[in-house]
Amino acid sequence: MVSPTAIASRSASACEAQTNSWCERWQTATVAEQFEYEIWVDYGNGKAWDEGVRRSRLAS
């Protein structure tokens, strides 16, 4: 299993190359949300991750 720290590092690098909303969302995400994002980005779908984070926050 990949550690949250490794995920954050790899995602930060990807984020720096982007200027869109999922990047901004990632920067303010919790570690758990960043882990979920890593799963989404593996499918190339940052927009779906945005939606997943929004839904998880509404549910909590």
PDB file of N, CA and C in Angstrom:
ATOM      1  N   MET A   1       0.852  -1.195   0.000  1.00  0.00           N
ATOM      2  CA  MET A   1       0.000   0.000   0.000  1.00  0.00           C
ATOM      3  C   MET A   1       0.889   1.247   0.000  1.00  0.00           C
ATOM      4  N   VAL A   2       0.524   2.224  -0.771  1.00  0.00           N
ATOM      5  CA  VAL A   2       1.297   3.455  -0.865  1.00  0.00           C
ATOM      6  C   VAL A   2       0.989   4.326   0.351  1.00  0.00           C
ATOM      7  N   SER A   3       2.035   4.926   0.902  1.00  0.00           N
ATOM      8  CA  SER A   3       1.830   5.763   2.088  1.00  0.00           C
ATOM      9  C   SER A   3       1.190   7.094   1.718  1.00  0.00           C
ATOM     10  N   PRO A   4       0.418   7.686   2.644  1.00  0.00           N
ATOM     11  CA  PRO A   4      -0.158   9.012   2.385  1.00  0.00           C
ATOM     12  C   PRO A   4       0.906  10.057   2.034  1.00  0.00           C
ATOM     13  N   THR A   5       2.086   9.946   2.656  1.00  0.00           N
ATOM     14  CA  THR A   5       3.152  10.916   2.364  1.00  0.00           C
ATOM     15  C   THR A   5       3.607  10.809   0.913  1.00  0.00           C
ATOM     16  N   ALA A   6       3.785   9.582   0.440  1.00  0.00           N
ATOM     17  CA  ALA A   6       4.188   9.376  -0.952  1.00  0.00           C
ATOM     18  C   ALA A   6       3.106   9.878  -1.897  1.00  0.00           C
ATOM     19  N   ILE A   7       1.869   9.634  -1.534  1.00  0.00           N
ATOM     20  CA  ILE A   7       0.753  10.105  -2.349  1.00  0.00           C
ATOM     21  C   ILE A   7       0.750  11.630  -2.409  1.00  0.00           C
ATOM     22  N   ALA A   8       0.916  12.254  -1.264  1.00  0.00           N
ATOM     23  CA  ALA A   8       0.912  13.714  -1.223  1.00  0.00           C
ATOM     24  C   ALA A   8       2.033  14.282  -2.078  1.00  0.00           C
ATOM     25  N   SER A   9       3.201  13.658  -2.000  1.00  0.00           N
ATOM     26  CA  SER A   9       4.343  14.133  -2.769  1.00  0.00           C
ATOM     27  C   SER A   9       4.091  13.992  -4.263  1.00  0.00           C
ATOM     28  N   ARG A  10       3.621  12.835  -4.671  1.00  0.00           N
ATOM     29  CA  ARG A  10       3.383  12.602  -6.094  1.00  0.00           C
ATOM     30  C   ARG A  10       2.253  13.493  -6.602  1.00  0.00           C
ATOM     31  N   SER A  11       1.197  13.613  -5.816  1.00  0.00           N
ATOM     32  CA  SER A  11       0.066  14.434  -6.222  1.00  0.00           C
ATOM     33  C   SER A  11       0.433  15.907  -6.282  1.00  0.00           C
ATOM     34  N   ALA A  12       1.284  16.351  -5.353  1.00  0.00           N
ATOM     35  CA  ALA A  12       1.707  17.749  -5.358  1.00  0.00           C
ATOM     36  C   ALA A  12       2.448  18.063  -6.649  1.00  0.00           C
ATOM     37  N   SER A  13       3.285  17.153  -7.093  1.00  0.00           N
ATOM     38  CA  SER A  13       4.008  17.362  -8.346  1.00  0.00           C
ATOM     39  C   SER A  13       3.042  17.484  -9.505  1.00  0.00           C
ATOM     40  N   ALA A  14       2.041  16.608  -9.541  1.00  0.00           N
ATOM     41  CA  ALA A  14       1.036  16.674 -10.604  1.00  0.00           C
ATOM     42  C   ALA A  14       0.234  17.959 -10.497  1.00  0.00           C
ATOM     43  N   CYS A  15      -0.055  18.351  -9.273  1.00  0.00           N
ATOM     44  CA  CYS A  15      -0.843  19.553  -9.038  1.00  0.00           C
ATOM     45  C   CYS A  15      -0.116  20.798  -9.543  1.00  0.00           C
ATOM     46  N   GLU A  16       1.183  20.859  -9.313  1.00  0.00           N
ATOM     47  CA  GLU A  16       1.943  22.037  -9.715  1.00  0.00           C
ATOM     48  C   GLU A  16       1.903  22.267 -11.220  1.00  0.00           C
ATOM     49  N   ALA A  17       1.658  21.205 -11.969  1.00  0.00           N
ATOM     50  CA  ALA A  17       1.613  21.312 -13.425  1.00  0.00           C
ATOM     51  C   ALA A  17       0.218  21.712 -13.923  1.00  0.00           C
ATOM     52  N   GLN A  18      -0.713  21.905 -13.009  1.00  0.00           N
ATOM     53  CA  GLN A  18      -2.098  22.191 -13.381  1.00  0.00           C
ATOM     54  C   GLN A  18      -2.551  23.513 -12.762  1.00  0.00           C
ATOM     55  N   THR A  19      -3.595  24.088 -13.330  1.00  0.00           N
ATOM     56  CA  THR A  19      -4.153  25.315 -12.740  1.00  0.00           C
ATOM     57  C   THR A  19      -5.663  25.218 -12.589  1.00  0.00           C
ATOM     58  N   ASN A  20      -6.197  24.016 -12.653  1.00  0.00           N
ATOM     59  CA  ASN A  20      -7.653  23.877 -12.633  1.00  0.00           C
ATOM     60  C   ASN A  20      -8.196  23.603 -11.235  1.00  0.00           C
ATOM     61  N   SER A  21      -9.486  23.440 -11.126  1.00  0.00           N
ATOM     62  CA  SER A  21     -10.131  23.376  -9.824  1.00  0.00           C
ATOM     63  C   SER A  21      -9.748  22.149  -9.017  1.00  0.00           C
ATOM     64  N   TRP A  22      -9.530  21.005  -9.657  1.00  0.00           N
ATOM     65  CA  TRP A  22      -9.191  19.835  -8.847  1.00  0.00           C
ATOM     66  C   TRP A  22      -7.855  20.033  -8.157  1.00  0.00           C
ATOM     67  N   CYS A  23      -6.950  20.788  -8.781  1.00  0.00           N
ATOM     68  CA  CYS A  23      -5.666  21.082  -8.159  1.00  0.00           C
ATOM     69  C   CYS A  23      -5.874  21.933  -6.904  1.00  0.00           C
ATOM     70  N   GLU A  24      -6.672  22.952  -7.004  1.00  0.00           N
ATOM     71  CA  GLU A  24      -6.961  23.808  -5.849  1.00  0.00           C
ATOM     72  C   GLU A  24      -7.640  23.015  -4.743  1.00  0.00           C
ATOM     73  N   ARG A  25      -8.538  22.134  -5.131  1.00  0.00           N
ATOM     74  CA  ARG A  25      -9.238  21.310  -4.151  1.00  0.00           C
ATOM     75  C   ARG A  25      -8.256  20.386  -3.447  1.00  0.00           C
ATOM     76  N   TRP A  26      -7.315  19.810  -4.227  1.00  0.00           N
ATOM     77  CA  TRP A  26      -6.334  18.902  -3.626  1.00  0.00           C
ATOM     78  C   TRP A  26      -5.511  19.628  -2.570  1.00  0.00           C
ATOM     79  N   GLN A  27      -5.159  20.867  -2.825  1.00  0.00           N
ATOM     80  CA  GLN A  27      -4.297  21.607  -1.907  1.00  0.00           C
ATOM     81  C   GLN A  27      -4.955  21.837  -0.550  1.00  0.00           C
ATOM     82  N   THR A  28      -6.273  21.810  -0.489  1.00  0.00           N
ATOM     83  CA  THR A  28      -6.971  22.029   0.774  1.00  0.00           C
ATOM     84  C   THR A  28      -7.606  20.740   1.306  1.00  0.00           C
ATOM     85  N   ALA A  29      -7.311  19.616   0.666  1.00  0.00           N
ATOM     86  CA  ALA A  29      -7.920  18.347   1.059  1.00  0.00           C
ATOM     87  C   ALA A  29      -7.243  17.750   2.293  1.00  0.00           C
ATOM     88  N   THR A  30      -7.998  16.923   2.997  1.00  0.00           N
ATOM     89  CA  THR A  30      -7.415  16.162   4.098  1.00  0.00           C
ATOM     90  C   THR A  30      -6.592  15.017   3.519  1.00  0.00           C
ATOM     91  N   VAL A  31      -5.794  14.368   4.351  1.00  0.00           N
ATOM     92  CA  VAL A  31      -4.998  13.234   3.882  1.00  0.00           C
ATOM     93  C   VAL A  31      -5.904  12.134   3.318  1.00  0.00           C
ATOM     94  N   ALA A  32      -7.019  11.871   3.984  1.00  0.00           N
ATOM     95  CA  ALA A  32      -7.948  10.850   3.498  1.00  0.00           C
ATOM     96  C   ALA A  32      -8.500  11.231   2.123  1.00  0.00           C
ATOM     97  N   GLU A  33      -8.819  12.493   1.950  1.00  0.00           N
ATOM     98  CA  GLU A  33      -9.316  12.963   0.656  1.00  0.00           C
ATOM     99  C   GLU A  33      -8.233  12.878  -0.407  1.00  0.00           C
ATOM    100  N   GLN A  34      -6.984  13.166  -0.017  1.00  0.00           N
ATOM    101  CA  GLN A  34      -5.880  13.054  -0.963  1.00  0.00           C
ATOM    102  C   GLN A  34      -5.687  11.611  -1.390  1.00  0.00           C
ATOM    103  N   PHE A  35      -5.868  10.685  -0.452  1.00  0.00           N
ATOM    104  CA  PHE A  35      -5.751   9.265  -0.785  1.00  0.00           C
ATOM    105  C   PHE A  35      -6.845   8.879  -1.782  1.00  0.00           C
ATOM    106  N   GLU A  36      -8.059   9.349  -1.528  1.00  0.00           N
ATOM    107  CA  GLU A  36      -9.171   9.084  -2.444  1.00  0.00           C
ATOM    108  C   GLU A  36      -8.881   9.704  -3.807  1.00  0.00           C
ATOM    109  N   TYR A  37      -8.317  10.904  -3.801  1.00  0.00           N
ATOM    110  CA  TYR A  37      -7.947  11.572  -5.046  1.00  0.00           C
ATOM    111  C   TYR A  37      -6.966  10.732  -5.851  1.00  0.00           C
ATOM    112  N   GLU A  38      -5.998  10.136  -5.165  1.00  0.00           N
ATOM    113  CA  GLU A  38      -4.998   9.331  -5.869  1.00  0.00           C
ATOM    114  C   GLU A  38      -5.668   8.188  -6.628  1.00  0.00           C
ATOM    115  N   ILE A  39      -6.706   7.624  -6.027  1.00  0.00           N
ATOM    116  CA  ILE A  39      -7.463   6.566  -6.705  1.00  0.00           C
ATOM    117  C   ILE A  39      -8.153   7.150  -7.940  1.00  0.00           C
ATOM    118  N   TRP A  40      -8.789   8.306  -7.789  1.00  0.00           N
ATOM    119  CA  TRP A  40      -9.465   8.936  -8.919  1.00  0.00           C
ATOM    120  C   TRP A  40      -8.491   9.287 -10.033  1.00  0.00           C
ATOM    121  N   VAL A  41      -7.330   9.851  -9.668  1.00  0.00           N
ATOM    122  CA  VAL A  41      -6.413  10.317 -10.699  1.00  0.00           C
ATOM    123  C   VAL A  41      -5.831   9.150 -11.485  1.00  0.00           C
ATOM    124  N   ASP A  42      -5.786   7.979 -10.845  1.00  0.00           N
ATOM    125  CA  ASP A  42      -5.351   6.787 -11.564  1.00  0.00           C
ATOM    126  C   ASP A  42      -6.284   6.502 -12.737  1.00  0.00           C
ATOM    127  N   TYR A  43      -7.519   6.955 -12.636  1.00  0.00           N
ATOM    128  CA  TYR A  43      -8.470   6.814 -13.732  1.00  0.00           C
ATOM    129  C   TYR A  43      -8.512   8.063 -14.615  1.00  0.00           C
ATOM    130  N   GLY A  44      -7.654   9.027 -14.305  1.00  0.00           N
ATOM    131  CA  GLY A  44      -7.589  10.246 -15.109  1.00  0.00           C
ATOM    132  C   GLY A  44      -8.812  11.126 -14.973  1.00  0.00           C
ATOM    133  N   ASN A  45      -9.401  11.137 -13.781  1.00  0.00           N
ATOM    134  CA  ASN A  45     -10.666  11.858 -13.643  1.00  0.00           C
ATOM    135  C   ASN A  45     -10.692  12.728 -12.384  1.00  0.00           C
ATOM    136  N   GLY A  46      -9.989  13.843 -12.435  1.00  0.00           N
ATOM    137  CA  GLY A  46     -10.000  14.763 -11.303  1.00  0.00           C
ATOM    138  C   GLY A  46     -11.378  15.320 -11.015  1.00  0.00           C
ATOM    139  N   LYS A  47     -12.193  15.522 -12.056  1.00  0.00           N
ATOM    140  CA  LYS A  47     -13.539  16.063 -11.862  1.00  0.00           C
ATOM    141  C   LYS A  47     -14.388  15.112 -11.018  1.00  0.00           C
ATOM    142  N   ALA A  48     -14.245  13.828 -11.260  1.00  0.00           N
ATOM    143  CA  ALA A  48     -14.991  12.853 -10.460  1.00  0.00           C
ATOM    144  C   ALA A  48     -14.535  12.899  -9.010  1.00  0.00           C
ATOM    145  N   TRP A  49     -13.240  13.128  -8.799  1.00  0.00           N
ATOM    146  CA  TRP A  49     -12.743  13.249  -7.428  1.00  0.00           C
ATOM    147  C   TRP A  49     -13.349  14.462  -6.745  1.00  0.00           C
ATOM    148  N   ASP A  50     -13.414  15.595  -7.431  1.00  0.00           N
ATOM    149  CA  ASP A  50     -14.064  16.787  -6.871  1.00  0.00           C
ATOM    150  C   ASP A  50     -15.463  16.443  -6.382  1.00  0.00           C
ATOM    151  N   GLU A  51     -16.203  15.744  -7.218  1.00  0.00           N
ATOM    152  CA  GLU A  51     -17.575  15.381  -6.882  1.00  0.00           C
ATOM    153  C   GLU A  51     -17.604  14.434  -5.686  1.00  0.00           C
ATOM    154  N   GLY A  52     -16.672  13.478  -5.641  1.00  0.00           N
ATOM    155  CA  GLY A  52     -16.613  12.549  -4.516  1.00  0.00           C
ATOM    156  C   GLY A  52     -16.320  13.261  -3.209  1.00  0.00           C
ATOM    157  N   VAL A  53     -15.415  14.239  -3.231  1.00  0.00           N
ATOM    158  CA  VAL A  53     -15.095  15.002  -2.028  1.00  0.00           C
ATOM    159  C   VAL A  53     -16.313  15.805  -1.589  1.00  0.00           C
ATOM    160  N   ARG A  54     -16.990  16.420  -2.531  1.00  0.00           N
ATOM    161  CA  ARG A  54     -18.184  17.206  -2.191  1.00  0.00           C
ATOM    162  C   ARG A  54     -19.236  16.308  -1.525  1.00  0.00           C
ATOM    163  N   ARG A  55     -19.470  15.140  -2.098  1.00  0.00           N
ATOM    164  CA  ARG A  55     -20.457  14.215  -1.532  1.00  0.00           C
ATOM    165  C   ARG A  55     -20.042  13.737  -0.143  1.00  0.00           C
ATOM    166  N   SER A  56     -18.749  13.423   0.040  1.00  0.00           N
ATOM    167  CA  SER A  56     -18.312  12.924   1.347  1.00  0.00           C
ATOM    168  C   SER A  56     -18.445  14.009   2.407  1.00  0.00           C
ATOM    169  N   ARG A  57     -18.209  15.255   2.046  1.00  0.00           N
ATOM    170  CA  ARG A  57     -18.348  16.347   3.016  1.00  0.00           C
ATOM    171  C   ARG A  57     -19.811  16.584   3.361  1.00  0.00           C
ATOM    172  N   LEU A  58     -20.692  16.434   2.389  1.00  0.00           N
ATOM    173  CA  LEU A  58     -22.122  16.605   2.658  1.00  0.00           C
ATOM    174  C   LEU A  58     -22.629  15.497   3.573  1.00  0.00           C
ATOM    175  N   ALA A  59     -22.062  14.299   3.420  1.00  0.00           N
ATOM    176  CA  ALA A  59     -22.531  13.150   4.199  1.00  0.00           C
ATOM    177  C   ALA A  59     -22.045  13.186   5.642  1.00  0.00           C
ATOM    178  N   SER A  60     -20.979  13.919   5.900  1.00  0.00           N
ATOM    179  CA  SER A  60     -20.418  13.903   7.259  1.00  0.00           C
ATOM    180  C   SER A  60     -20.979  15.007   8.136  1.00  0.00           C
TER     181      SER A  60
END
